[in-house]
Protein backbone atom coordinates (compact mmCIF):
# COMPACT_ATOMS: atom_id res chain seq x y z
CA MET A 1 -22.47 80.09 -121.61
CA ALA A 2 -18.58 81.47 -121.40
CA ARG A 3 -19.47 84.52 -118.90
CA LYS A 4 -19.71 82.42 -116.00
CA ASN A 5 -16.07 81.50 -116.52
CA THR A 6 -15.18 84.87 -116.71
CA PRO A 7 -14.28 87.29 -113.52
CA PHE A 8 -16.76 89.83 -112.81
CA ASN A 9 -14.94 92.97 -114.00
CA PHE A 10 -16.98 95.80 -111.98
CA GLU A 11 -15.97 98.84 -113.79
CA ALA A 12 -16.76 97.30 -117.28
CA SER A 13 -19.87 96.35 -116.55
CA LEU A 14 -20.63 99.68 -115.00
CA ALA A 15 -19.67 101.15 -118.13
CA ASN A 16 -21.96 98.65 -120.04
CA LEU A 17 -24.60 99.53 -117.80
CA GLU A 18 -24.00 103.51 -118.64
CA SER A 19 -23.90 102.79 -122.37
CA LEU A 20 -27.20 101.30 -122.11
CA VAL A 21 -29.22 103.49 -120.61
CA GLU A 22 -27.93 106.53 -122.89
CA ALA A 23 -28.92 104.02 -126.00
CA MET A 24 -32.46 103.87 -124.27
CA GLU A 25 -32.68 107.57 -123.49
CA ALA A 26 -31.56 108.28 -127.14
CA GLY A 27 -35.05 106.37 -128.07
CA ASP A 28 -33.66 105.26 -131.39
CA LEU A 29 -34.08 101.27 -130.12
CA SER A 30 -37.14 99.09 -131.64
CA LEU A 31 -39.02 97.95 -128.85
CA GLU A 32 -37.32 94.67 -128.94
CA GLU A 33 -33.98 96.11 -128.76
CA ALA A 34 -35.55 98.13 -125.56
CA LEU A 35 -36.55 95.18 -124.00
CA LYS A 36 -33.43 93.46 -124.21
CA ALA A 37 -31.25 96.10 -123.20
CA PHE A 38 -33.54 96.57 -120.30
CA GLU A 39 -33.28 92.61 -119.36
CA GLN A 40 -29.29 93.29 -119.58
CA GLY A 41 -29.36 96.80 -117.68
CA ILE A 42 -31.25 94.97 -114.64
CA ARG A 43 -29.28 91.66 -115.06
CA LEU A 44 -25.68 94.33 -114.79
CA THR A 45 -27.22 96.48 -111.92
CA ARG A 46 -27.79 92.80 -109.70
CA GLU A 47 -24.15 91.96 -110.62
CA CYS A 48 -23.02 95.20 -109.80
CA GLN A 49 -25.06 95.49 -106.39
CA GLN A 50 -23.98 91.80 -105.47
CA ALA A 51 -20.16 93.12 -106.00
CA LEU A 52 -20.44 96.24 -103.91
CA GLU A 53 -22.16 94.07 -100.96
CA GLN A 54 -19.41 91.48 -101.29
CA ALA A 55 -17.06 94.43 -101.29
CA GLU A 56 -18.64 96.23 -98.26
CA GLN A 57 -18.54 92.82 -96.27
CA LYS A 58 -15.06 92.80 -96.68
CA VAL A 59 -14.19 95.98 -95.82
CA GLN A 60 -16.57 95.15 -92.68
CA ILE A 61 -14.57 92.12 -91.83
CA LEU A 62 -11.12 93.92 -92.25
CA LEU A 63 -12.27 96.79 -89.67
CA ALA A 64 -13.45 94.34 -87.01
CA SER A 65 -10.63 92.25 -86.87
CA ALA A 66 -7.98 94.88 -87.69
CA GLU A 67 -5.84 96.36 -84.36
CA LEU A 68 -6.92 100.05 -84.29
CA PRO A 69 -4.68 102.41 -82.75
CA SER A 70 -5.82 103.26 -79.12
CA ALA A 71 -5.47 107.01 -77.22
CA VAL A 72 -2.27 107.30 -74.97
CA PRO A 73 -2.88 109.72 -72.20
CA PHE A 74 -0.52 112.72 -72.51
CA GLU A 75 1.66 112.96 -69.55
CA ILE A 76 2.32 115.84 -67.43
CA ASN A 77 5.02 116.61 -65.03
CA ALA A 78 3.93 118.52 -61.94
CA GLU A 79 4.94 121.95 -63.47
CA GLY A 80 2.05 121.16 -66.11
CA ALA A 81 4.91 120.83 -69.08
CA ASP A 82 5.22 117.80 -70.69
CA ASP A 83 8.19 115.36 -69.92
CA GLU A 84 9.67 115.70 -73.30
CA SER A 85 10.41 119.74 -72.94
CA PRO A 86 13.71 120.63 -71.66
CA ALA A 87 14.08 121.95 -67.82
């Protein structure tokens, strides 16, 4: 099947899934067409869910490896004003 060689497009798959749902909700499909649409919808749902899980994993990895800024205490001189104030 040619689909295996093409990259997955989340937005296109989601739009396709939405159009399948709309067609099924309209009730104009025959039983056979509705069953095929349902099968395709299940496949698209699984593919989209897998893509979302992979994206979440990437975000988790990036957050875990990122050097997040740490808090630095604000220094106050003896008079209670910060060190950068004019004296």
